[in-house]
Amino acid sequence: MAKKEDRAQDGLKIGQRVKDLREKQNLTLQDVAAKTGLAKSLLSEVESGEVIPHVSTLLKLAKALNIGMASFFEDGEAVERVSVTRKGERARVKRRPHHHEGEVDYVYESLETRKPGKHMEPFLVEFMPMETSEMVFTSHEGEEFHYVLEGKLEFRTDERVEVLEPGDAIYFESDQNHSFRSLIKKPSRAIVVVWAKS
């Protein structure tokens, strides 16, 4: 079983993986910025590991690079039609201590890292407690499903607020500005499945 710190380190390799995939396709940072609508400076910070990318950022990068999001996490093992990810094999991605302004503050684990080209991206996500003023809103093409496991989770869009407790689920179109926060003094956890339009 992989150690906790090893899983965290795996997650921090995402930036290098993004850079490798970009260079393999002979794309410049400016090319990827034009394809994704993301700032060139943000892309540079992601590749250097200074910024841990939000899921929506990874989705945009995957689309621009014509790959499945699993490519940012995969370890090069053979692809099979059935993929099993053991608890100790999950890639855990968490905020760095030097948190950048506008960077989403949560911890996520990719629950499937081997199957490329899949239509759904499953995650285990820990949402942090914060003030409303600290919430960072994001949007991306596609849809999301969240099933709350622990805590008390607030979902916000520009027009709606919902409070979710364990056993509650929410499904929404993710092209609208949205954000989450834990309403208790510790992180709230949820299973999150993201579907991105191809």
C-alpha atoms as a PDB file:
ATOM      1  CA  MET A   1       0.000   0.000   0.000  1.00  0.00           C
ATOM      2  CA  ALA A   2       1.319   3.461  -0.918  1.00  0.00           C
ATOM      3  CA  LYS A   3       2.124   5.784   1.949  1.00  0.00           C
ATOM      4  CA  LYS A   4      -0.012   8.889   2.393  1.00  0.00           C
ATOM      5  CA  GLU A   5       2.903  11.195   1.568  1.00  0.00           C
ATOM      6  CA  ASP A   6       3.635   9.160  -1.570  1.00  0.00           C
ATOM      7  CA  ARG A   7       0.067   9.667  -2.777  1.00  0.00           C
ATOM      8  CA  ALA A   8       0.350  13.394  -2.108  1.00  0.00           C
ATOM      9  CA  GLN A   9       3.629  13.500  -4.046  1.00  0.00           C
ATOM     10  CA  ASP A  10       1.935  11.690  -6.954  1.00  0.00           C
ATOM     11  CA  GLY A  11      -0.653  14.435  -7.052  1.00  0.00           C
ATOM     12  CA  LEU A  12       2.003  17.125  -7.167  1.00  0.00           C
ATOM     13  CA  LYS A  13       3.468  15.585 -10.342  1.00  0.00           C
ATOM     14  CA  ILE A  14       0.470  16.821 -12.334  1.00  0.00           C
ATOM     15  CA  GLY A  15       2.287  19.975 -13.427  1.00  0.00           C
ATOM     16  CA  GLN A  16       5.167  18.001 -14.920  1.00  0.00           C
ATOM     17  CA  ARG A  17       2.688  15.682 -16.642  1.00  0.00           C
ATOM     18  CA  VAL A  18       0.891  18.679 -18.190  1.00  0.00           C
ATOM     19  CA  LYS A  19       4.209  20.028 -19.460  1.00  0.00           C
ATOM     20  CA  ASP A  20       5.260  16.648 -20.881  1.00  0.00           C
ATOM     21  CA  LEU A  21       1.958  16.217 -22.722  1.00  0.00           C
ATOM     22  CA  ARG A  22       2.100  19.762 -24.103  1.00  0.00           C
ATOM     23  CA  GLU A  23       5.671  19.406 -25.336  1.00  0.00           C
ATOM     24  CA  LYS A  24       4.942  15.991 -26.844  1.00  0.00           C
ATOM     25  CA  GLN A  25       2.363  17.722 -29.057  1.00  0.00           C
ATOM     26  CA  ASN A  26       4.785  20.553 -29.913  1.00  0.00           C
ATOM     27  CA  LEU A  27       2.516  23.156 -28.329  1.00  0.00           C
ATOM     28  CA  THR A  28       3.701  26.354 -26.670  1.00  0.00           C
ATOM     29  CA  LEU A  29       2.189  27.765 -23.506  1.00  0.00           C
ATOM     30  CA  GLN A  30       0.586  30.430 -25.716  1.00  0.00           C
ATOM     31  CA  ASP A  31      -0.977  27.719 -27.915  1.00  0.00           C
ATOM     32  CA  VAL A  32      -2.541  26.039 -24.875  1.00  0.00           C
ATOM     33  CA  ALA A  33      -3.652  29.396 -23.454  1.00  0.00           C
ATOM     34  CA  ALA A  34      -5.447  30.144 -26.739  1.00  0.00           C
ATOM     35  CA  LYS A  35      -7.132  26.723 -26.772  1.00  0.00           C
ATOM     36  CA  THR A  36      -8.250  26.810 -23.141  1.00  0.00           C
ATOM     37  CA  GLY A  37      -8.896  30.476 -22.442  1.00  0.00           C
ATOM     38  CA  LEU A  38      -6.577  30.137 -19.417  1.00  0.00           C
ATOM     39  CA  ALA A  39      -3.915  32.744 -18.727  1.00  0.00           C
ATOM     40  CA  LYS A  40      -0.410  31.865 -19.898  1.00  0.00           C
ATOM     41  CA  SER A  41       0.902  32.842 -16.445  1.00  0.00           C
ATOM     42  CA  LEU A  42      -1.498  30.382 -14.776  1.00  0.00           C
ATOM     43  CA  LEU A  43      -0.416  27.593 -17.126  1.00  0.00           C
ATOM     44  CA  SER A  44       3.222  28.309 -16.307  1.00  0.00           C
ATOM     45  CA  GLU A  45       2.454  28.128 -12.564  1.00  0.00           C
ATOM     46  CA  VAL A  46       0.591  24.847 -13.038  1.00  0.00           C
ATOM     47  CA  GLU A  47       3.506  23.316 -14.969  1.00  0.00           C
ATOM     48  CA  SER A  48       6.054  24.458 -12.388  1.00  0.00           C
ATOM     49  CA  GLY A  49       3.946  23.035  -9.561  1.00  0.00           C
ATOM     50  CA  GLU A  50       3.337  26.437  -7.958  1.00  0.00           C
ATOM     51  CA  VAL A  51      -0.428  26.094  -8.433  1.00  0.00           C
ATOM     52  CA  ILE A  52      -2.480  22.954  -7.915  1.00  0.00           C
ATOM     53  CA  PRO A  53      -4.999  23.023 -10.777  1.00  0.00           C
ATOM     54  CA  HIS A  54      -8.724  23.022 -10.121  1.00  0.00           C
ATOM     55  CA  VAL A  55     -10.690  20.168 -11.677  1.00  0.00           C
ATOM     56  CA  SER A  56     -12.238  22.578 -14.201  1.00  0.00           C
ATOM     57  CA  THR A  57      -8.723  23.666 -15.240  1.00  0.00           C
ATOM     58  CA  LEU A  58      -7.706  20.028 -15.780  1.00  0.00           C
ATOM     59  CA  LEU A  59     -10.834  19.458 -17.859  1.00  0.00           C
ATOM     60  CA  LYS A  60      -9.959  22.405 -20.111  1.00  0.00           C
ATOM     61  CA  LEU A  61      -6.371  21.193 -20.440  1.00  0.00           C
ATOM     62  CA  ALA A  62      -7.495  17.653 -21.264  1.00  0.00           C
ATOM     63  CA  LYS A  63      -9.783  18.946 -24.006  1.00  0.00           C
ATOM     64  CA  ALA A  64      -7.043  21.196 -25.449  1.00  0.00           C
ATOM     65  CA  LEU A  65      -4.530  18.332 -25.454  1.00  0.00           C
ATOM     66  CA  ASN A  66      -7.070  15.813 -26.845  1.00  0.00           C
ATOM     67  CA  ILE A  67      -6.632  13.400 -23.941  1.00  0.00           C
ATOM     68  CA  GLY A  68      -8.712  11.986 -21.118  1.00  0.00           C
ATOM     69  CA  MET A  69      -8.241  13.593 -17.732  1.00  0.00           C
ATOM     70  CA  ALA A  70      -6.856  10.298 -16.414  1.00  0.00           C
ATOM     71  CA  SER A  71      -3.712  11.056 -18.444  1.00  0.00           C
ATOM     72  CA  PHE A  72      -2.688  13.599 -15.797  1.00  0.00           C
ATOM     73  CA  PHE A  73      -2.696  10.878 -13.131  1.00  0.00           C
ATOM     74  CA  GLU A  74      -1.919   7.615 -14.924  1.00  0.00           C
ATOM     75  CA  ASP A  75       1.196   5.650 -14.165  1.00  0.00           C
ATOM     76  CA  GLY A  76       1.759   4.053 -17.562  1.00  0.00           C
ATOM     77  CA  GLU A  77       0.264   0.666 -16.740  1.00  0.00           C
ATOM     78  CA  ALA A  78      -1.603  -1.292 -19.389  1.00  0.00           C
ATOM     79  CA  VAL A  79      -5.176  -0.170 -20.028  1.00  0.00           C
ATOM     80  CA  GLU A  80      -7.945  -2.698 -19.458  1.00  0.00           C
ATOM     81  CA  ARG A  81     -11.688  -2.610 -20.012  1.00  0.00           C
ATOM     82  CA  VAL A  82     -12.188  -2.989 -16.266  1.00  0.00           C
ATOM     83  CA  SER A  83     -10.125  -0.712 -14.037  1.00  0.00           C
ATOM     84  CA  VAL A  84      -9.821  -1.205 -10.273  1.00  0.00           C
ATOM     85  CA  THR A  85      -8.204   1.496  -8.150  1.00  0.00           C
ATOM     86  CA  ARG A  86      -7.257   0.330  -4.665  1.00  0.00           C
ATOM     87  CA  LYS A  87      -7.451   2.712  -1.717  1.00  0.00           C
ATOM     88  CA  GLY A  88      -3.676   3.081  -1.530  1.00  0.00           C
ATOM     89  CA  GLU A  89      -3.356   3.794  -5.273  1.00  0.00           C
ATOM     90  CA  ARG A  90      -5.409   6.972  -5.451  1.00  0.00           C
ATOM     91  CA  ALA A  91      -3.659  10.159  -6.570  1.00  0.00           C
ATOM     92  CA  ARG A  92      -4.244  12.792  -3.885  1.00  0.00           C
ATOM     93  CA  VAL A  93      -3.979  16.450  -4.845  1.00  0.00           C
ATOM     94  CA  LYS A  94      -4.002  19.099  -2.167  1.00  0.00           C
ATOM     95  CA  ARG A  95      -3.391  22.785  -1.781  1.00  0.00           C
ATOM     96  CA  ARG A  96       0.185  23.859  -1.221  1.00  0.00           C
ATOM     97  CA  PRO A  97       1.007  25.895   1.918  1.00  0.00           C
ATOM     98  CA  HIS A  98       1.627  29.010  -0.225  1.00  0.00           C
ATOM     99  CA  HIS A  99      -1.959  29.232  -1.432  1.00  0.00           C
ATOM    100  CA  HIS A 100      -2.394  31.547  -4.429  1.00  0.00           C
ATOM    101  CA  GLU A 101      -5.257  34.026  -4.551  1.00  0.00           C
ATOM    102  CA  GLY A 102      -8.093  32.643  -6.670  1.00  0.00           C
ATOM    103  CA  GLU A 103      -6.910  29.057  -6.236  1.00  0.00           C
ATOM    104  CA  VAL A 104      -9.690  26.749  -5.084  1.00  0.00           C
ATOM    105  CA  ASP A 105      -9.061  25.504  -1.547  1.00  0.00           C
ATOM    106  CA  TYR A 106      -9.917  21.816  -1.448  1.00  0.00           C
ATOM    107  CA  VAL A 107      -8.320  18.409  -1.520  1.00  0.00           C
ATOM    108  CA  TYR A 108      -9.268  15.893  -4.179  1.00  0.00           C
ATOM    109  CA  GLU A 109      -8.350  12.327  -5.012  1.00  0.00           C
ATOM    110  CA  SER A 110      -8.799  10.848  -8.453  1.00  0.00           C
ATOM    111  CA  LEU A 111     -10.640   7.558  -7.964  1.00  0.00           C
ATOM    112  CA  GLU A 112      -9.711   6.188 -11.398  1.00  0.00           C
ATOM    113  CA  THR A 113      -6.331   6.845 -12.996  1.00  0.00           C
ATOM    114  CA  ARG A 114      -5.795   4.176 -15.634  1.00  0.00           C
ATOM    115  CA  LYS A 115      -8.566   4.300 -18.210  1.00  0.00           C
ATOM    116  CA  PRO A 116      -8.023   6.955 -20.885  1.00  0.00           C
ATOM    117  CA  GLY A 117     -10.904   8.398 -22.877  1.00  0.00           C
ATOM    118  CA  LYS A 118     -13.520   7.726 -20.221  1.00  0.00           C
ATOM    119  CA  HIS A 119     -16.676   9.831 -20.164  1.00  0.00           C
ATOM    120  CA  MET A 120     -16.831  10.346 -16.404  1.00  0.00           C
ATOM    121  CA  GLU A 121     -14.168  11.552 -13.950  1.00  0.00           C
ATOM    122  CA  PRO A 122     -14.758  10.308 -10.369  1.00  0.00           C
ATOM    123  CA  PHE A 123     -13.204  12.035  -7.350  1.00  0.00           C
ATOM    124  CA  LEU A 124     -13.279  11.983  -3.567  1.00  0.00           C
ATOM    125  CA  VAL A 125     -13.258  15.652  -2.545  1.00  0.00           C
ATOM    126  CA  GLU A 126     -12.717  17.413   0.784  1.00  0.00           C
ATOM    127  CA  PHE A 127     -14.247  20.904   0.842  1.00  0.00           C
ATOM    128  CA  MET A 128     -12.765  23.343   3.352  1.00  0.00           C
ATOM    129  CA  PRO A 129     -14.634  25.617   5.760  1.00  0.00           C
ATOM    130  CA  MET A 130     -14.451  29.290   4.743  1.00  0.00           C
ATOM    131  CA  GLU A 131     -16.327  32.562   4.727  1.00  0.00           C
ATOM    132  CA  THR A 132     -18.634  33.353   1.816  1.00  0.00           C
ATOM    133  CA  SER A 133     -16.242  36.110   0.736  1.00  0.00           C
ATOM    134  CA  GLU A 134     -13.444  33.528   0.348  1.00  0.00           C
ATOM    135  CA  MET A 135     -15.356  31.239  -2.025  1.00  0.00           C
ATOM    136  CA  VAL A 136     -13.838  30.890  -5.498  1.00  0.00           C
ATOM    137  CA  PHE A 137     -16.375  30.356  -8.288  1.00  0.00           C
ATOM    138  CA  THR A 138     -15.571  28.338 -11.388  1.00  0.00           C
ATOM    139  CA  SER A 139     -17.339  27.016 -14.471  1.00  0.00           C
ATOM    140  CA  HIS A 140     -16.661  24.531 -17.258  1.00  0.00           C
ATOM    141  CA  GLU A 141     -18.597  22.675 -19.916  1.00  0.00           C
ATOM    142  CA  GLY A 142     -20.357  19.543 -18.766  1.00  0.00           C
ATOM    143  CA  GLU A 143     -22.220  18.304 -15.726  1.00  0.00           C
ATOM    144  CA  GLU A 144     -21.372  17.326 -12.134  1.00  0.00           C
ATOM    145  CA  PHE A 145     -22.825  14.966  -9.550  1.00  0.00           C
ATOM    146  CA  HIS A 146     -21.965  15.290  -5.841  1.00  0.00           C
ATOM    147  CA  TYR A 147     -22.957  12.812  -3.115  1.00  0.00           C
ATOM    148  CA  VAL A 148     -22.204  14.054   0.403  1.00  0.00           C
ATOM    149  CA  LEU A 149     -20.472  11.549   2.696  1.00  0.00           C
ATOM    150  CA  GLU A 150     -19.585  13.665   5.735  1.00  0.00           C
ATOM    151  CA  GLY A 151     -20.161  17.153   7.101  1.00  0.00           C
ATOM    152  CA  LYS A 152     -22.413  19.939   5.877  1.00  0.00           C
ATOM    153  CA  LEU A 153     -21.780  21.320   2.401  1.00  0.00           C
ATOM    154  CA  GLU A 154     -23.005  24.555   0.874  1.00  0.00           C
ATOM    155  CA  PHE A 155     -23.428  24.817  -2.905  1.00  0.00           C
ATOM    156  CA  ARG A 156     -23.703  28.252  -4.495  1.00  0.00           C
ATOM    157  CA  THR A 157     -24.314  29.614  -7.967  1.00  0.00           C
ATOM    158  CA  ASP A 158     -24.923  33.248  -8.909  1.00  0.00           C
ATOM    159  CA  GLU A 159     -28.638  32.650  -8.323  1.00  0.00           C
ATOM    160  CA  ARG A 160     -29.012  29.742  -5.903  1.00  0.00           C
ATOM    161  CA  VAL A 161     -27.825  28.413  -2.545  1.00  0.00           C
ATOM    162  CA  GLU A 162     -28.335  24.827  -1.343  1.00  0.00           C
ATOM    163  CA  VAL A 163     -27.203  23.199   1.908  1.00  0.00           C
ATOM    164  CA  LEU A 164     -26.362  19.488   1.624  1.00  0.00           C
ATOM    165  CA  GLU A 165     -25.932  16.934   4.402  1.00  0.00           C
ATOM    166  CA  PRO A 166     -24.753  13.293   4.393  1.00  0.00           C
ATOM    167  CA  GLY A 167     -26.892  11.239   2.025  1.00  0.00           C
ATOM    168  CA  ASP A 168     -27.911  14.307  -0.011  1.00  0.00           C
ATOM    169  CA  ALA A 169     -26.935  14.540  -3.670  1.00  0.00           C
ATOM    170  CA  ILE A 170     -26.860  17.321  -6.225  1.00  0.00           C
ATOM    171  CA  TYR A 171     -26.593  17.154 -10.026  1.00  0.00           C
ATOM    172  CA  PHE A 172     -26.025  20.350 -11.990  1.00  0.00           C
ATOM    173  CA  GLU A 173     -24.876  21.806 -15.284  1.00  0.00           C
ATOM    174  CA  SER A 174     -21.369  23.032 -14.588  1.00  0.00           C
ATOM    175  CA  ASP A 175     -21.215  25.802 -17.192  1.00  0.00           C
ATOM    176  CA  GLN A 176     -22.765  28.103 -14.569  1.00  0.00           C
ATOM    177  CA  ASN A 177     -20.556  29.776 -11.966  1.00  0.00           C
ATOM    178  CA  HIS A 178     -20.499  27.503  -8.921  1.00  0.00           C
ATOM    179  CA  SER A 179     -18.646  26.984  -5.675  1.00  0.00           C
ATOM    180  CA  PHE A 180     -18.760  24.859  -2.515  1.00  0.00           C
ATOM    181  CA  ARG A 181     -17.732  25.317   1.102  1.00  0.00           C
ATOM    182  CA  SER A 182     -17.956  23.307   4.289  1.00  0.00           C
ATOM    183  CA  LEU A 183     -20.352  24.817   6.820  1.00  0.00           C
ATOM    184  CA  ILE A 184     -18.747  23.070   9.790  1.00  0.00           C
ATOM    185  CA  LYS A 185     -15.343  23.667  11.369  1.00  0.00           C
ATOM    186  CA  LYS A 186     -13.702  20.788   9.518  1.00  0.00           C
ATOM    187  CA  PRO A 187     -13.712  19.612   5.900  1.00  0.00           C
ATOM    188  CA  SER A 188     -16.860  18.106   4.403  1.00  0.00           C
ATOM    189  CA  ARG A 189     -16.378  15.139   2.069  1.00  0.00           C
ATOM    190  CA  ALA A 190     -18.233  14.092  -1.078  1.00  0.00           C
ATOM    191  CA  ILE A 191     -17.983  11.701  -3.992  1.00  0.00           C
ATOM    192  CA  VAL A 192     -17.898  13.856  -7.108  1.00  0.00           C
ATOM    193  CA  VAL A 193     -18.403  12.666 -10.677  1.00  0.00           C
ATOM    194  CA  VAL A 194     -17.615  15.122 -13.460  1.00  0.00           C
ATOM    195  CA  TRP A 195     -18.706  14.688 -17.055  1.00  0.00           C
ATOM    196  CA  ALA A 196     -17.124  16.962 -19.621  1.00  0.00           C
ATOM    197  CA  LYS A 197     -18.539  17.456 -23.089  1.00  0.00           C
ATOM    198  CA  SER A 198     -16.108  16.340 -25.746  1.00  0.00           C
END
